[in-house]
Amino acid sequence: QGNYTAYQPYMLLNFDYSFQNDVLDDDLSVTILEVLGRINLNKFIDFHNLDSRSYDPVMMLTIILMAFAEDGYASLRKLEKL
């Protein structure tokens, strides 16, 4: 076995990409992240009952909102392409 697991949330390569520097301020993803940052998600998401294997619920909500904002309706295959 190598020095890795099947699930690695962080890439081992450095691509020198900065979201703040490389994405324009008027981009849809920036707007969605700002709006989600202002909402108290504790009312909707139970953060206490998450285990270490679960996906980040805020990240999943962000992806779903991006898909709906871009296409109106997003199937799982469309989400995969995002």
N, C-alpha and C. Protein backbone atom coordinates (compact mmCIF):
# COMPACT_ATOMS: atom_id res chain seq x y z
N GLN A 1 0.84 -1.19 0.00
CA GLN A 1 0.00 0.00 0.00
C GLN A 1 0.88 1.24 0.00
N GLY A 2 0.40 2.23 -0.71
CA GLY A 2 1.13 3.49 -0.78
C GLY A 2 0.82 4.39 0.40
N ASN A 3 1.22 5.59 0.29
CA ASN A 3 1.04 6.58 1.33
C ASN A 3 -0.23 7.38 1.09
N TYR A 4 -1.32 6.73 0.77
CA TYR A 4 -2.54 7.43 0.42
C TYR A 4 -3.75 6.59 0.80
N THR A 5 -4.90 7.23 0.81
CA THR A 5 -6.17 6.55 1.00
C THR A 5 -7.02 6.78 -0.24
N ALA A 6 -8.16 6.12 -0.30
CA ALA A 6 -9.03 6.26 -1.47
C ALA A 6 -9.62 7.66 -1.54
N TYR A 7 -9.81 8.31 -0.41
CA TYR A 7 -10.39 9.64 -0.38
C TYR A 7 -9.34 10.63 0.09
N GLN A 8 -8.95 11.54 -0.77
CA GLN A 8 -8.00 12.58 -0.40
C GLN A 8 -8.60 13.93 -0.76
N PRO A 9 -9.06 14.70 0.23
CA PRO A 9 -9.69 15.99 -0.08
C PRO A 9 -8.69 17.06 -0.53
N TYR A 10 -7.42 16.85 -0.28
CA TYR A 10 -6.42 17.86 -0.64
C TYR A 10 -5.50 17.28 -1.71
N MET A 11 -5.24 18.05 -2.72
CA MET A 11 -4.35 17.59 -3.78
C MET A 11 -2.90 17.71 -3.33
N LEU A 12 -2.10 16.80 -3.78
CA LEU A 12 -0.70 16.81 -3.39
C LEU A 12 0.15 17.69 -4.32
N LEU A 13 -0.45 18.19 -5.39
CA LEU A 13 0.28 19.05 -6.32
C LEU A 13 -0.05 20.51 -6.05
N ASN A 14 0.88 21.37 -6.33
CA ASN A 14 0.68 22.80 -6.15
C ASN A 14 0.47 23.43 -7.52
N PHE A 15 -0.73 23.97 -7.75
CA PHE A 15 -1.04 24.59 -9.02
C PHE A 15 -0.97 26.12 -8.96
N ASP A 16 -0.65 26.68 -7.83
CA ASP A 16 -0.58 28.13 -7.63
C ASP A 16 -1.85 28.82 -8.12
N TYR A 17 -2.99 28.35 -7.67
CA TYR A 17 -4.28 28.92 -8.03
C TYR A 17 -4.89 29.52 -6.79
N SER A 18 -5.30 30.76 -6.88
CA SER A 18 -5.92 31.44 -5.76
C SER A 18 -7.32 31.89 -6.18
N PHE A 19 -8.33 31.46 -5.45
CA PHE A 19 -9.70 31.82 -5.78
C PHE A 19 -9.89 33.33 -5.70
N GLN A 20 -9.31 33.96 -4.68
CA GLN A 20 -9.48 35.39 -4.50
C GLN A 20 -8.80 36.19 -5.60
N ASN A 21 -7.67 35.72 -6.10
CA ASN A 21 -6.93 36.48 -7.11
C ASN A 21 -7.31 36.14 -8.54
N ASP A 22 -7.73 34.90 -8.80
CA ASP A 22 -7.94 34.45 -10.17
C ASP A 22 -9.38 34.47 -10.63
N VAL A 23 -10.34 34.62 -9.73
CA VAL A 23 -11.76 34.66 -10.10
C VAL A 23 -12.24 36.10 -9.98
N LEU A 24 -12.96 36.57 -10.99
CA LEU A 24 -13.45 37.94 -10.99
C LEU A 24 -14.47 38.16 -9.88
N ASP A 25 -14.57 39.41 -9.42
CA ASP A 25 -15.48 39.72 -8.31
C ASP A 25 -16.95 39.59 -8.70
N ASP A 26 -17.28 39.75 -9.98
CA ASP A 26 -18.67 39.66 -10.40
C ASP A 26 -19.06 38.27 -10.89
N ASP A 27 -18.24 37.27 -10.59
CA ASP A 27 -18.54 35.90 -10.98
C ASP A 27 -19.67 35.34 -10.10
N LEU A 28 -20.46 34.46 -10.67
CA LEU A 28 -21.59 33.88 -9.96
C LEU A 28 -21.16 33.08 -8.73
N SER A 29 -20.05 32.39 -8.83
CA SER A 29 -19.58 31.59 -7.69
C SER A 29 -19.20 32.48 -6.51
N VAL A 30 -18.64 33.64 -6.77
CA VAL A 30 -18.29 34.58 -5.69
C VAL A 30 -19.56 35.07 -5.01
N THR A 31 -20.58 35.38 -5.79
CA THR A 31 -21.84 35.85 -5.23
C THR A 31 -22.49 34.78 -4.36
N ILE A 32 -22.51 33.55 -4.83
CA ILE A 32 -23.12 32.47 -4.05
C ILE A 32 -22.35 32.23 -2.76
N LEU A 33 -21.04 32.27 -2.81
CA LEU A 33 -20.25 32.08 -1.59
C LEU A 33 -20.47 33.22 -0.60
N GLU A 34 -20.61 34.45 -1.09
CA GLU A 34 -20.87 35.58 -0.19
C GLU A 34 -22.24 35.46 0.47
N VAL A 35 -23.25 35.07 -0.31
CA VAL A 35 -24.60 34.93 0.25
C VAL A 35 -24.63 33.81 1.28
N LEU A 36 -24.01 32.67 0.98
CA LEU A 36 -23.99 31.56 1.94
C LEU A 36 -23.19 31.92 3.19
N GLY A 37 -22.20 32.79 3.05
CA GLY A 37 -21.43 33.21 4.21
C GLY A 37 -22.22 34.08 5.16
N ARG A 38 -23.28 34.71 4.67
CA ARG A 38 -24.10 35.59 5.51
C ARG A 38 -25.30 34.89 6.14
N ILE A 39 -25.60 33.69 5.68
CA ILE A 39 -26.75 32.95 6.19
C ILE A 39 -26.31 32.07 7.36
N ASN A 40 -27.13 32.05 8.40
CA ASN A 40 -26.87 31.16 9.53
C ASN A 40 -27.36 29.77 9.17
N LEU A 41 -26.46 28.91 8.75
CA LEU A 41 -26.83 27.57 8.29
C LEU A 41 -27.07 26.60 9.44
N ASN A 42 -26.80 27.00 10.66
CA ASN A 42 -27.03 26.12 11.81
C ASN A 42 -28.51 25.80 11.98
N LYS A 43 -29.39 26.66 11.46
CA LYS A 43 -30.82 26.40 11.53
C LYS A 43 -31.23 25.26 10.60
N PHE A 44 -30.46 25.05 9.55
CA PHE A 44 -30.84 24.09 8.52
C PHE A 44 -29.97 22.83 8.50
N ILE A 45 -28.74 22.94 8.93
CA ILE A 45 -27.81 21.82 8.88
C ILE A 45 -27.36 21.50 10.30
N ASP A 46 -27.46 20.24 10.68
CA ASP A 46 -27.01 19.80 12.00
C ASP A 46 -25.53 19.42 11.90
N PHE A 47 -24.67 20.33 12.31
CA PHE A 47 -23.23 20.11 12.20
C PHE A 47 -22.69 19.18 13.29
N HIS A 48 -23.46 18.92 14.33
CA HIS A 48 -22.98 18.10 15.44
C HIS A 48 -23.02 16.61 15.14
N ASN A 49 -23.87 16.19 14.22
CA ASN A 49 -24.02 14.76 13.93
C ASN A 49 -23.27 14.33 12.68
N LEU A 50 -22.23 15.02 12.31
CA LEU A 50 -21.44 14.65 11.14
C LEU A 50 -20.26 13.80 11.57
N ASP A 51 -19.96 12.78 10.79
CA ASP A 51 -18.76 12.00 11.09
C ASP A 51 -17.64 12.42 10.14
N SER A 52 -16.49 11.85 10.31
CA SER A 52 -15.32 12.29 9.54
C SER A 52 -15.39 11.86 8.08
N ARG A 53 -16.24 10.89 7.75
CA ARG A 53 -16.32 10.42 6.37
C ARG A 53 -17.33 11.19 5.54
N SER A 54 -18.16 12.00 6.17
CA SER A 54 -19.21 12.69 5.42
C SER A 54 -18.65 13.90 4.68
N TYR A 55 -19.32 14.24 3.60
CA TYR A 55 -18.94 15.42 2.84
C TYR A 55 -19.33 16.67 3.61
N ASP A 56 -18.65 17.76 3.30
CA ASP A 56 -18.97 19.03 3.92
C ASP A 56 -20.34 19.49 3.41
N PRO A 57 -21.33 19.65 4.31
CA PRO A 57 -22.67 20.01 3.85
C PRO A 57 -22.74 21.39 3.21
N VAL A 58 -21.91 22.31 3.64
CA VAL A 58 -21.89 23.65 3.04
C VAL A 58 -21.35 23.57 1.62
N MET A 59 -20.34 22.75 1.40
CA MET A 59 -19.80 22.56 0.06
C MET A 59 -20.85 21.94 -0.85
N MET A 60 -21.58 20.94 -0.37
CA MET A 60 -22.61 20.30 -1.17
C MET A 60 -23.74 21.28 -1.50
N LEU A 61 -24.14 22.09 -0.54
CA LEU A 61 -25.17 23.10 -0.79
C LEU A 61 -24.69 24.12 -1.81
N THR A 62 -23.42 24.51 -1.73
CA THR A 62 -22.86 25.45 -2.70
C THR A 62 -22.89 24.88 -4.10
N ILE A 63 -22.55 23.62 -4.25
CA ILE A 63 -22.55 22.98 -5.57
C ILE A 63 -23.97 22.91 -6.12
N ILE A 64 -24.93 22.56 -5.29
CA ILE A 64 -26.32 22.48 -5.75
C ILE A 64 -26.84 23.85 -6.15
N LEU A 65 -26.54 24.88 -5.37
CA LEU A 65 -26.98 26.23 -5.72
C LEU A 65 -26.32 26.73 -7.00
N MET A 66 -25.05 26.39 -7.19
CA MET A 66 -24.38 26.76 -8.45
C MET A 66 -25.06 26.10 -9.64
N ALA A 67 -25.42 24.84 -9.50
CA ALA A 67 -26.07 24.12 -10.59
C ALA A 67 -27.43 24.72 -10.91
N PHE A 68 -28.21 25.04 -9.89
CA PHE A 68 -29.51 25.64 -10.13
C PHE A 68 -29.37 27.05 -10.72
N ALA A 69 -28.37 27.79 -10.30
CA ALA A 69 -28.17 29.14 -10.83
C ALA A 69 -27.74 29.11 -12.29
N GLU A 70 -26.98 28.10 -12.67
CA GLU A 70 -26.49 28.02 -14.05
C GLU A 70 -27.53 27.44 -15.01
N ASP A 71 -28.23 26.37 -14.60
CA ASP A 71 -29.11 25.66 -15.53
C ASP A 71 -30.58 25.67 -15.12
N GLY A 72 -30.91 26.13 -13.94
CA GLY A 72 -32.29 26.08 -13.48
C GLY A 72 -32.61 24.75 -12.83
N TYR A 73 -32.34 23.66 -13.52
CA TYR A 73 -32.51 22.32 -12.97
C TYR A 73 -31.24 21.56 -13.28
N ALA A 74 -30.76 20.81 -12.33
CA ALA A 74 -29.51 20.10 -12.55
C ALA A 74 -29.68 18.64 -12.17
N SER A 75 -29.42 17.77 -13.11
CA SER A 75 -29.41 16.35 -12.82
C SER A 75 -28.05 15.99 -12.22
N LEU A 76 -27.91 14.78 -11.77
CA LEU A 76 -26.63 14.36 -11.19
C LEU A 76 -25.52 14.37 -12.24
N ARG A 77 -25.86 14.07 -13.47
CA ARG A 77 -24.83 14.11 -14.52
C ARG A 77 -24.38 15.53 -14.81
N LYS A 78 -25.31 16.49 -14.74
CA LYS A 78 -24.91 17.88 -14.92
C LYS A 78 -24.06 18.36 -13.75
N LEU A 79 -24.40 17.91 -12.54
CA LEU A 79 -23.60 18.27 -11.38
C LEU A 79 -22.19 17.70 -11.50
N GLU A 80 -22.08 16.52 -12.05
CA GLU A 80 -20.77 15.90 -12.21
C GLU A 80 -19.90 16.70 -13.18
N LYS A 81 -20.51 17.30 -14.19
CA LYS A 81 -19.75 18.08 -15.17
C LYS A 81 -19.28 19.41 -14.59
N LEU A 82 -19.98 19.92 -13.57
CA LEU A 82 -19.53 21.17 -12.95
C LEU A 82 -18.22 20.94 -12.25
